[in-house]
C-alpha cells in the first residue's frame, strides 16, 4: 500500500497522539502533561491537524462523496466529540480513551479509503500532458 504525502503526515500526527496517550496511560507523561485535560487537549490538537492534513475534503466534495464513508466517519466523529466534551469538562479518563480510540478508527478508515481510491484511479499518461488517445497529428508548414 502506497500512501500519499498527506496520508503520511496524518499517520505521523496520529502516531504522536497515540504515543502521548500511551505515555499518559502508563503514568509516564512528560512533566506538565500528566493531567487528563492537558494531554487530552494535545491529542485533540494532533487529531485536528491530522484531519486537516488528509481527511477533510472540501464542502463540495463532501456533499458529492461516498455516502457510506461520510456517514460512518460522521458517526465516529460524533462519538469522538462526545468523548472530547467528557474529557475536557469532567477530566474523564474514559472520555480520553474514547477520543484516542475514535481518532485511531478515523485514521484507519480514511487511510484504507484513500489507498483504495488510489488503486482505482487510472495511471498518469506517459510522455506529456495529454491523455492517451488524444495525440494530434503534426501538420505540414
Protein backbone atom coordinates (compact mmCIF):
# COMPACT_ATOMS: atom_id res chain seq x y z
CA UNK A 1 0.00 0.00 0.00
CA UNK A 2 1.49 3.32 -1.10
CA UNK A 3 0.36 6.36 0.88
CA UNK A 4 0.15 9.92 -0.36
CA UNK A 5 2.24 12.58 1.38
CA UNK A 6 -0.86 13.94 3.13
CA UNK A 7 -1.71 10.48 4.48
CA UNK A 8 1.87 10.06 5.71
CA UNK A 9 1.58 13.40 7.53
CA UNK A 10 -1.70 12.30 9.11
CA UNK A 11 -0.12 8.98 10.09
CA UNK A 12 2.76 10.74 11.84
CA UNK A 13 0.36 13.05 13.71
CA UNK A 14 -1.86 10.15 14.83
CA UNK A 15 1.23 8.17 15.89
CA UNK A 16 2.35 11.15 18.00
CA UNK A 17 -1.12 11.32 19.58
CA UNK A 18 -1.01 7.59 20.29
CA UNK A 19 2.40 7.96 21.93
CA UNK A 20 1.17 10.81 24.13
CA UNK A 21 -1.85 8.74 25.15
CA UNK A 22 0.31 5.68 25.88
CA UNK A 23 2.70 7.75 28.00
CA UNK A 24 -0.22 9.35 29.84
CA UNK A 25 -1.98 5.99 30.43
CA UNK A 26 1.21 4.39 31.76
CA UNK A 27 1.88 7.30 34.14
CA UNK A 28 4.99 8.29 32.19
CA UNK A 29 3.71 11.52 30.68
CA UNK A 30 6.23 14.35 30.34
CA UNK A 31 6.20 16.99 33.10
CA UNK A 32 3.15 19.21 32.84
CA UNK A 33 1.21 16.65 30.79
CA UNK A 34 0.11 14.23 33.49
CA UNK A 35 -3.40 15.68 33.66
CA UNK A 36 -6.20 14.28 31.53
CA UNK A 37 -7.21 17.70 30.20
CA UNK A 38 -3.70 18.77 29.21
CA UNK A 39 -2.71 15.52 27.48
CA UNK A 40 -6.19 15.27 26.00
CA UNK A 41 -6.01 18.78 24.58
CA UNK A 42 -2.67 17.99 22.91
CA UNK A 43 -4.13 14.77 21.48
CA UNK A 44 -7.19 16.67 20.21
CA UNK A 45 -4.94 19.26 18.54
CA UNK A 46 -2.94 16.50 16.84
CA UNK A 47 -6.19 14.85 15.73
CA UNK A 48 -7.49 18.09 14.23
CA UNK A 49 -4.17 18.61 12.43
CA UNK A 50 -4.25 15.05 11.08
CA UNK A 51 -7.80 15.54 9.87
CA UNK A 52 -7.00 18.84 8.21
CA UNK A 53 -3.94 17.38 6.50
CA UNK A 54 -5.52 14.36 4.85
CA UNK A 55 -9.06 13.53 5.83
CA UNK A 56 -11.27 16.59 5.49
CA UNK A 57 -12.35 17.26 1.89
CA UNK A 58 -13.81 20.47 0.62
CA UNK A 59 -17.51 21.00 1.33
CA UNK A 60 -18.44 20.38 -2.32
CA UNK A 61 -16.54 17.07 -2.31
CA UNK A 62 -18.18 16.13 0.96
CA UNK A 63 -21.66 16.62 -0.45
CA UNK A 64 -20.94 14.52 -3.54
CA UNK A 65 -18.63 11.96 -1.95
CA UNK A 66 -19.05 8.36 -0.92
CA UNK A 67 -22.20 8.47 1.25
CA UNK A 68 -21.48 5.37 3.39
CA UNK A 69 -17.94 6.65 4.07
CA UNK A 70 -19.26 10.09 5.06
CA UNK A 71 -21.97 8.54 7.27
CA UNK A 72 -19.53 6.20 9.03
CA UNK A 73 -16.87 8.84 9.63
CA UNK A 74 -19.51 11.33 10.79
CA UNK A 75 -20.82 8.82 13.32
CA UNK A 76 -17.33 8.09 14.62
CA UNK A 77 -16.67 11.85 14.72
CA UNK A 78 -19.81 12.35 16.81
CA UNK A 79 -18.60 9.70 19.26
CA UNK A 80 -15.23 11.49 19.41
CA UNK A 81 -16.99 14.81 20.09
CA UNK A 82 -18.96 13.32 22.98
CA UNK A 83 -15.78 11.75 24.40
CA UNK A 84 -13.88 15.01 23.96
CA UNK A 85 -16.52 17.03 25.81
CA UNK A 86 -16.49 14.46 28.61
CA UNK A 87 -12.71 14.55 28.73
CA UNK A 88 -12.46 18.35 28.82
CA UNK A 89 -15.41 19.14 31.10
CA UNK A 90 -15.13 16.32 33.62
CA UNK A 91 -11.44 15.34 33.15
CA UNK A 92 -12.80 11.90 32.26
CA UNK A 93 -10.26 9.16 31.60
CA UNK A 94 -12.98 7.22 29.75
CA UNK A 95 -13.63 10.27 27.56
CA UNK A 96 -9.91 10.43 26.75
CA UNK A 97 -9.92 6.73 25.82
CA UNK A 98 -12.93 7.34 23.56
CA UNK A 99 -11.15 10.25 21.85
CA UNK A 100 -8.00 8.26 21.10
CA UNK A 101 -9.98 5.20 20.01
CA UNK A 102 -12.13 7.27 17.66
CA UNK A 103 -9.05 9.03 16.30
CA UNK A 104 -7.34 5.73 15.53
CA UNK A 105 -10.50 4.37 13.92
CA UNK A 106 -10.96 7.50 11.78
CA UNK A 107 -7.31 7.33 10.72
CA UNK A 108 -7.67 3.66 9.76
CA UNK A 109 -10.90 4.23 7.81
CA UNK A 110 -9.51 7.26 5.97
CA UNK A 111 -6.17 5.62 5.16
CA UNK A 112 -7.82 2.49 3.77
CA UNK A 113 -10.34 4.63 1.84
CA UNK A 114 -7.59 6.78 0.32
CA UNK A 115 -5.49 3.77 -0.65
CA UNK A 116 -8.50 2.12 -2.31
CA UNK A 117 -9.22 5.33 -4.23
CA UNK A 118 -5.59 5.50 -5.36
CA UNK A 119 -5.67 1.92 -6.69
CA UNK A 120 -8.83 2.61 -8.72
CA UNK A 121 -7.53 5.76 -10.40
CA UNK A 122 -6.06 5.49 -13.87
CA UNK A 123 -2.27 5.77 -14.07
CA UNK A 124 -0.96 9.09 -15.42
CA UNK A 125 -0.29 9.33 -19.14
CA UNK A 126 3.33 8.98 -20.21
CA UNK A 127 5.31 11.31 -22.37
CA UNK A 128 3.36 14.52 -21.98
CA UNK A 129 0.38 16.22 -20.54
CA UNK A 130 -2.23 14.91 -22.98
CA UNK A 131 -4.28 11.87 -22.02
CA UNK A 132 -3.60 8.79 -24.12
CA UNK A 133 -5.53 8.69 -27.36
CA UNK A 134 -5.67 12.45 -27.81
CA UNK A 135 -2.48 12.89 -29.81
CA UNK A 136 -2.82 15.47 -32.56
CA UNK A 137 -1.05 14.63 -35.80
CA UNK A 138 1.55 17.13 -36.95
CA UNK A 139 0.58 19.39 -39.78
CA UNK A 140 2.91 20.44 -42.56
CA UNK A 141 4.05 24.05 -42.50
